[in-house]
C-alpha atoms as a PDB file:
ATOM      1  CA  MET A   1      -0.279   0.072   0.051  1.00  0.00           C
ATOM      2  CA  CYS A   2       1.284   3.237  -0.990  1.00  0.00           C
ATOM      3  CA  ASN A   3      -0.479   5.202   1.644  1.00  0.00           C
ATOM      4  CA  GLY A   4      -0.867   8.388  -0.861  1.00  0.00           C
ATOM      5  CA  LYS A   5       2.582   9.044  -1.338  1.00  0.00           C
ATOM      6  CA  CYS A   6       2.106   8.898  -5.131  1.00  0.00           C
ATOM      7  CA  GLY A   7      -0.787  11.334  -5.169  1.00  0.00           C
ATOM      8  CA  GLY A   8      -4.449  11.564  -5.655  1.00  0.00           C
ATOM      9  CA  GLY A   9      -6.750   9.994  -2.442  1.00  0.00           C
ATOM     10  CA  CYS A  10      -9.727  11.470  -0.940  1.00  0.00           C
ATOM     11  CA  VAL A  11     -10.082  14.803   1.152  1.00  0.00           C
ATOM     12  CA  CYS A  12     -10.424  12.733   4.032  1.00  0.00           C
ATOM     13  CA  ARG A  13      -6.548  11.567   3.466  1.00  0.00           C
ATOM     14  CA  LYS A  14      -5.471  14.956   2.851  1.00  0.00           C
ATOM     15  CA  ILE A  15      -7.325  16.442   5.828  1.00  0.00           C
ATOM     16  CA  CYS A  16      -5.472  13.721   8.074  1.00  0.00           C
ATOM     17  CA  GLY A  17      -1.847  14.701   6.729  1.00  0.00           C
ATOM     18  CA  VAL A  18      -2.550  18.351   7.803  1.00  0.00           C
ATOM     19  CA  LEU A  19      -3.907  17.438  11.332  1.00  0.00           C
ATOM     20  CA  VAL A  20      -0.737  14.886  11.836  1.00  0.00           C
ATOM     21  CA  ILE A  21       1.467  17.658  10.919  1.00  0.00           C
ATOM     22  CA  ILE A  22      -0.133  20.166  13.264  1.00  0.00           C
ATOM     23  CA  GLY A  23      -0.283  17.577  16.021  1.00  0.00           C
ATOM     24  CA  GLY A  24       3.561  16.902  15.542  1.00  0.00           C
ATOM     25  CA  LEU A  25       4.336  20.661  15.265  1.00  0.00           C
ATOM     26  CA  ASN A  26       2.573  21.083  18.388  1.00  0.00           C
ATOM     27  CA  TRP A  27       4.003  18.454  20.489  1.00  0.00           C
ATOM     28  CA  GLY A  28       7.420  19.626  19.233  1.00  0.00           C
ATOM     29  CA  LEU A  29       6.915  23.125  20.647  1.00  0.00           C
ATOM     30  CA  VAL A  30       5.693  21.781  23.946  1.00  0.00           C
ATOM     31  CA  GLY A  31       8.821  19.545  24.253  1.00  0.00           C
ATOM     32  CA  LEU A  32      11.063  22.679  23.370  1.00  0.00           C
ATOM     33  CA  ALA A  33       9.071  24.787  25.767  1.00  0.00           C
ATOM     34  CA  MET A  34       9.893  22.360  28.604  1.00  0.00           C
ATOM     35  CA  LEU A  35      13.581  22.207  27.574  1.00  0.00           C
ATOM     36  CA  VAL A  36      14.151  25.990  27.037  1.00  0.00           C
ATOM     37  CA  SER A  37      12.022  27.478  30.002  1.00  0.00           C
ATOM     38  CA  SER A  38       9.809  25.709  32.731  1.00  0.00           C
ATOM     39  CA  GLY A  39       7.214  28.232  33.305  1.00  0.00           C
ATOM     40  CA  SER A  40       6.409  29.241  29.566  1.00  0.00           C
ATOM     41  CA  ASN A  41       3.471  27.536  27.688  1.00  0.00           C
ATOM     42  CA  TRP A  42       3.947  26.861  23.727  1.00  0.00           C
ATOM     43  CA  ASN A  43       1.081  24.607  23.381  1.00  0.00           C
ATOM     44  CA  VAL A  44      -0.528  26.225  20.305  1.00  0.00           C
ATOM     45  CA  VAL A  45      -3.754  24.451  20.701  1.00  0.00           C
ATOM     46  CA  ASN A  46      -4.146  25.317  24.403  1.00  0.00           C
ATOM     47  CA  LEU A  47      -2.903  29.105  23.348  1.00  0.00           C
ATOM     48  CA  LEU A  48      -5.749  29.196  20.574  1.00  0.00           C
ATOM     49  CA  LEU A  49      -8.447  27.314  22.133  1.00  0.00           C
ATOM     50  CA  GLY A  50      -7.731  27.504  26.094  1.00  0.00           C
ATOM     51  CA  SER A  51     -10.740  29.316  26.876  1.00  0.00           C
ATOM     52  CA  TRP A  52     -13.070  26.491  24.959  1.00  0.00           C
ATOM     53  CA  PRO A  53     -11.757  23.082  26.664  1.00  0.00           C
ATOM     54  CA  THR A  54     -14.349  21.314  25.028  1.00  0.00           C
ATOM     55  CA  VAL A  55     -12.960  22.384  21.639  1.00  0.00           C
ATOM     56  CA  GLU A  56      -9.754  21.903  22.607  1.00  0.00           C
ATOM     57  CA  ALA A  57     -10.348  18.306  23.662  1.00  0.00           C
ATOM     58  CA  ILE A  58     -12.272  17.926  20.244  1.00  0.00           C
ATOM     59  CA  VAL A  59      -9.010  19.085  18.241  1.00  0.00           C
ATOM     60  CA  TYR A  60      -6.835  16.491  20.191  1.00  0.00           C
ATOM     61  CA  VAL A  61      -9.210  13.382  19.541  1.00  0.00           C
ATOM     62  CA  LEU A  62      -9.169  14.588  15.574  1.00  0.00           C
ATOM     63  CA  VAL A  63      -5.708  14.561  15.620  1.00  0.00           C
ATOM     64  CA  GLY A  64      -5.262  11.204  17.327  1.00  0.00           C
ATOM     65  CA  ILE A  65      -7.912   9.848  14.830  1.00  0.00           C
ATOM     66  CA  ALA A  66      -5.768  11.409  11.794  1.00  0.00           C
ATOM     67  CA  ALA A  67      -2.836   9.656  13.246  1.00  0.00           C
ATOM     68  CA  VAL A  68      -4.542   6.385  13.482  1.00  0.00           C
ATOM     69  CA  MET A  69      -5.888   6.609  10.013  1.00  0.00           C
ATOM     70  CA  LYS A  70      -2.240   7.603   8.689  1.00  0.00           C
ATOM     71  CA  ILE A  71      -1.130   4.253  10.395  1.00  0.00           C
ATOM     72  CA  PHE A  72      -3.937   2.240   8.641  1.00  0.00           C
ATOM     73  CA  GLY A  73      -4.589   4.019   5.517  1.00  0.00           C
ATOM     74  CA  CYS A  74      -7.849   5.127   4.113  1.00  0.00           C
ATOM     75  CA  LYS A  75      -9.855   2.358   2.697  1.00  0.00           C
ATOM     76  CA  CYS A  76     -12.091   4.377   0.376  1.00  0.00           C
ATOM     77  CA  LYS A  77     -12.462   3.590  -2.977  1.00  0.00           C
ATOM     78  CA  LYS A  78     -10.673   6.572  -4.448  1.00  0.00           C
ATOM     79  CA  CYS A  79      -7.831   6.151  -2.167  1.00  0.00           C
ATOM     80  CA  MET A  80      -7.453   2.446  -3.212  1.00  0.00           C
ATOM     81  CA  GLU A  81      -7.672   3.322  -6.931  1.00  0.00           C
ATOM     82  CA  ALA A  82      -4.985   5.570  -6.297  1.00  0.00           C
ATOM     83  CA  CYS A  83      -2.639   3.133  -4.419  1.00  0.00           C
ATOM     84  CA  ALA A  84      -3.525   0.559  -7.328  1.00  0.00           C
ATOM     85  CA  THR A  85      -2.507   3.268 -10.125  1.00  0.00           C
ATOM     86  CA  CYS A  86       0.759   4.051  -7.759  1.00  0.00           C
ATOM     87  CA  SER A  87       1.517   0.208  -7.388  1.00  0.00           C
ATOM     88  CA  ALA A  88       0.796  -0.566 -11.191  1.00  0.00           C
ATOM     89  CA  GLY A  89       3.960   1.332 -11.895  1.00  0.00           C
ATOM     90  CA  GLY A  90       2.561   4.808 -11.438  1.00  0.00           C
ATOM     91  CA  ASP A  91       4.963   7.886 -10.614  1.00  0.00           C
ATOM     92  CA  MET A  92       5.641   7.830  -6.960  1.00  0.00           C
ATOM     93  CA  ASN A  93       6.946  11.120  -6.844  1.00  0.00           C
ATOM     94  CA  LYS A  94       4.053  12.798  -8.362  1.00  0.00           C
ATOM     95  CA  GLY A  95       2.581  13.593  -5.055  1.00  0.00           C
ATOM     96  CA  MET A  96       5.650  15.013  -3.254  1.00  0.00           C
END
């Protein structure tokens, strides 16, 4: 399975990719803040949505779901067709 690296796929796959990047950058900033200074909060999601804890929790859940989808891949018809094209000798670098 190409996991969307050859391009194509559904909108859900693209949204998951963006959410995983956002989550990774957020956790990277949290870790960096812990190393640089003990009192600062570089959790961007918390800084933007801290006054709405329910919305903040929903964002974290969506990032977690996106990570699981990236692990197992999307099984929708559009993504499966894109992976079949890629596996059949399509251009692997097209979507990069």
